[in-house]
Amino acid sequence: MAGITKVNGVAYARDVLYATQSHDVFQITPTTALTAGLGGTAQAVADALNAQLFQTATNGASCIVVVDGHAVDATSIDARLTEVLGEAVTVAAVTDLYGIS
């Protein structure tokens, strides 16, 4: 699997995920499916992480977030969401956008 590299102006290689800002991408899998709608748990997750991009799976079983990498990391995401949702979550860094489609 490719790695994620933060850069400002380099020759780009194939099969490497580049971030030209401080963006990080994570896949989050909660214990209970996220709920939709105003006031749903999906909104609570996005708000808690100040997500720049956010998408849940159709069944709510997981979500992908793009966040400010200076503000959060996998450990802080886990801690924030465990507090917000009241249950454990699994957080994995996404290092290959092709692998999550």
C-alpha atoms as a PDB file:
ATOM      1  CA  MET A   1       0.000   0.000   0.000  1.00  0.00           C
ATOM      2  CA  ALA A   2       1.217   3.489  -0.795  1.00  0.00           C
ATOM      3  CA  GLY A   3       2.307   5.931   1.850  1.00  0.00           C
ATOM      4  CA  ILE A   4       1.168   9.513   2.346  1.00  0.00           C
ATOM      5  CA  THR A   5       3.721  12.230   1.785  1.00  0.00           C
ATOM      6  CA  LYS A   6       3.346  15.896   2.627  1.00  0.00           C
ATOM      7  CA  VAL A   7       5.057  18.081   0.034  1.00  0.00           C
ATOM      8  CA  ASN A   8       5.352  21.529  -1.383  1.00  0.00           C
ATOM      9  CA  GLY A   9       6.517  21.288  -4.988  1.00  0.00           C
ATOM     10  CA  VAL A  10       8.309  18.075  -5.870  1.00  0.00           C
ATOM     11  CA  ALA A  11       8.323  15.717  -8.813  1.00  0.00           C
ATOM     12  CA  TYR A  12       5.383  13.414  -8.173  1.00  0.00           C
ATOM     13  CA  ALA A  13       5.817   9.645  -8.273  1.00  0.00           C
ATOM     14  CA  ARG A  14       3.210   7.033  -9.060  1.00  0.00           C
ATOM     15  CA  ASP A  15       1.393   5.163  -6.299  1.00  0.00           C
ATOM     16  CA  VAL A  16       2.060   7.767  -3.595  1.00  0.00           C
ATOM     17  CA  LEU A  17      -0.679   9.821  -1.932  1.00  0.00           C
ATOM     18  CA  TYR A  18       0.485  13.419  -1.661  1.00  0.00           C
ATOM     19  CA  ALA A  19      -0.911  16.170   0.543  1.00  0.00           C
ATOM     20  CA  THR A  20       0.161  19.712  -0.307  1.00  0.00           C
ATOM     21  CA  GLN A  21      -1.447  21.084   2.836  1.00  0.00           C
ATOM     22  CA  SER A  22      -1.819  19.619   6.304  1.00  0.00           C
ATOM     23  CA  HIS A  23      -4.621  17.249   5.307  1.00  0.00           C
ATOM     24  CA  ASP A  24      -4.874  13.709   6.626  1.00  0.00           C
ATOM     25  CA  VAL A  25      -7.413  11.057   5.642  1.00  0.00           C
ATOM     26  CA  PHE A  26      -8.868   8.486   8.043  1.00  0.00           C
ATOM     27  CA  GLN A  27     -11.398   5.698   7.879  1.00  0.00           C
ATOM     28  CA  ILE A  28     -13.453   5.439  11.058  1.00  0.00           C
ATOM     29  CA  THR A  29     -15.482   2.379  11.997  1.00  0.00           C
ATOM     30  CA  PRO A  30     -17.766   2.858  14.998  1.00  0.00           C
ATOM     31  CA  THR A  31     -19.175   0.004  17.073  1.00  0.00           C
ATOM     32  CA  THR A  32     -22.741   1.033  16.109  1.00  0.00           C
ATOM     33  CA  ALA A  33     -23.656   2.337  12.647  1.00  0.00           C
ATOM     34  CA  LEU A  34     -23.745   6.104  12.280  1.00  0.00           C
ATOM     35  CA  THR A  35     -27.178   7.659  11.945  1.00  0.00           C
ATOM     36  CA  ALA A  36     -28.109  10.259   9.334  1.00  0.00           C
ATOM     37  CA  GLY A  37     -30.048  13.471   9.591  1.00  0.00           C
ATOM     38  CA  LEU A  38     -29.811  16.651  11.566  1.00  0.00           C
ATOM     39  CA  GLY A  39     -28.582  15.726  15.025  1.00  0.00           C
ATOM     40  CA  GLY A  40     -27.547  12.218  13.942  1.00  0.00           C
ATOM     41  CA  THR A  41     -24.304  10.593  15.011  1.00  0.00           C
ATOM     42  CA  ALA A  42     -22.767  11.169  11.562  1.00  0.00           C
ATOM     43  CA  GLN A  43     -23.143  14.906  12.109  1.00  0.00           C
ATOM     44  CA  ALA A  44     -21.705  14.582  15.616  1.00  0.00           C
ATOM     45  CA  VAL A  45     -18.609  12.843  14.228  1.00  0.00           C
ATOM     46  CA  ALA A  46     -18.079  15.437  11.485  1.00  0.00           C
ATOM     47  CA  ASP A  47     -18.537  18.298  13.953  1.00  0.00           C
ATOM     48  CA  ALA A  48     -16.247  16.763  16.602  1.00  0.00           C
ATOM     49  CA  LEU A  49     -13.426  16.440  14.077  1.00  0.00           C
ATOM     50  CA  ASN A  50     -14.091  19.695  12.235  1.00  0.00           C
ATOM     51  CA  ALA A  51     -13.984  17.522   9.120  1.00  0.00           C
ATOM     52  CA  GLN A  52     -13.042  19.250   5.889  1.00  0.00           C
ATOM     53  CA  LEU A  53     -14.559  16.376   3.876  1.00  0.00           C
ATOM     54  CA  PHE A  54     -16.786  13.672   5.302  1.00  0.00           C
ATOM     55  CA  GLN A  55     -18.636  10.711   3.828  1.00  0.00           C
ATOM     56  CA  THR A  56     -20.381   7.778   5.458  1.00  0.00           C
ATOM     57  CA  ALA A  57     -20.900   4.378   3.921  1.00  0.00           C
ATOM     58  CA  THR A  58     -24.462   3.777   2.725  1.00  0.00           C
ATOM     59  CA  ASN A  59     -25.183   1.610   5.768  1.00  0.00           C
ATOM     60  CA  GLY A  60     -23.404   3.936   8.226  1.00  0.00           C
ATOM     61  CA  ALA A  61     -20.930   1.210   9.191  1.00  0.00           C
ATOM     62  CA  SER A  62     -17.925   3.450   8.536  1.00  0.00           C
ATOM     63  CA  CYS A  63     -16.932   6.893   7.354  1.00  0.00           C
ATOM     64  CA  ILE A  64     -14.020   8.559   5.627  1.00  0.00           C
ATOM     65  CA  VAL A  65     -12.848  11.963   6.836  1.00  0.00           C
ATOM     66  CA  VAL A  66     -10.355  14.501   5.587  1.00  0.00           C
ATOM     67  CA  VAL A  67      -9.108  16.531   8.523  1.00  0.00           C
ATOM     68  CA  ASP A  68      -6.486  19.103   9.426  1.00  0.00           C
ATOM     69  CA  GLY A  69      -3.482  16.943  10.281  1.00  0.00           C
ATOM     70  CA  HIS A  70      -2.126  19.657  12.576  1.00  0.00           C
ATOM     71  CA  ALA A  71      -5.291  19.537  14.694  1.00  0.00           C
ATOM     72  CA  VAL A  72      -5.950  15.783  14.976  1.00  0.00           C
ATOM     73  CA  ASP A  73      -4.303  12.397  14.577  1.00  0.00           C
ATOM     74  CA  ALA A  74      -5.568   8.819  14.904  1.00  0.00           C
ATOM     75  CA  THR A  75      -5.165   8.815  18.702  1.00  0.00           C
ATOM     76  CA  SER A  76      -7.043  12.067  19.234  1.00  0.00           C
ATOM     77  CA  ILE A  77      -9.775  10.992  16.793  1.00  0.00           C
ATOM     78  CA  ASP A  78     -10.273   7.797  18.784  1.00  0.00           C
ATOM     79  CA  ALA A  79     -10.444   9.723  22.069  1.00  0.00           C
ATOM     80  CA  ARG A  80     -12.823  12.416  20.766  1.00  0.00           C
ATOM     81  CA  LEU A  81     -15.202   9.995  19.105  1.00  0.00           C
ATOM     82  CA  THR A  82     -15.263   7.547  21.984  1.00  0.00           C
ATOM     83  CA  GLU A  83     -16.381  10.480  24.136  1.00  0.00           C
ATOM     84  CA  VAL A  84     -18.899  11.812  21.575  1.00  0.00           C
ATOM     85  CA  LEU A  85     -20.414   8.443  20.641  1.00  0.00           C
ATOM     86  CA  GLY A  86     -20.053   6.791  24.043  1.00  0.00           C
ATOM     87  CA  GLU A  87     -18.493   3.699  22.475  1.00  0.00           C
ATOM     88  CA  ALA A  88     -15.265   2.495  20.921  1.00  0.00           C
ATOM     89  CA  VAL A  89     -14.266   3.320  17.344  1.00  0.00           C
ATOM     90  CA  THR A  90     -11.564   1.949  15.084  1.00  0.00           C
ATOM     91  CA  VAL A  91      -9.454   4.569  13.309  1.00  0.00           C
ATOM     92  CA  ALA A  92      -7.183   3.770  10.375  1.00  0.00           C
ATOM     93  CA  ALA A  93      -5.095   6.192   8.349  1.00  0.00           C
ATOM     94  CA  VAL A  94      -5.930   6.059   4.657  1.00  0.00           C
ATOM     95  CA  THR A  95      -2.783   5.964   2.549  1.00  0.00           C
ATOM     96  CA  ASP A  96      -4.309   5.006  -0.802  1.00  0.00           C
ATOM     97  CA  LEU A  97      -7.432   6.660  -2.219  1.00  0.00           C
ATOM     98  CA  TYR A  98      -7.795   3.923  -4.818  1.00  0.00           C
ATOM     99  CA  GLY A  99      -8.046   1.363  -2.044  1.00  0.00           C
ATOM    100  CA  ILE A 100     -11.110   2.977  -0.468  1.00  0.00           C
ATOM    101  CA  SER A 101     -13.346   3.205  -3.525  1.00  0.00           C
END
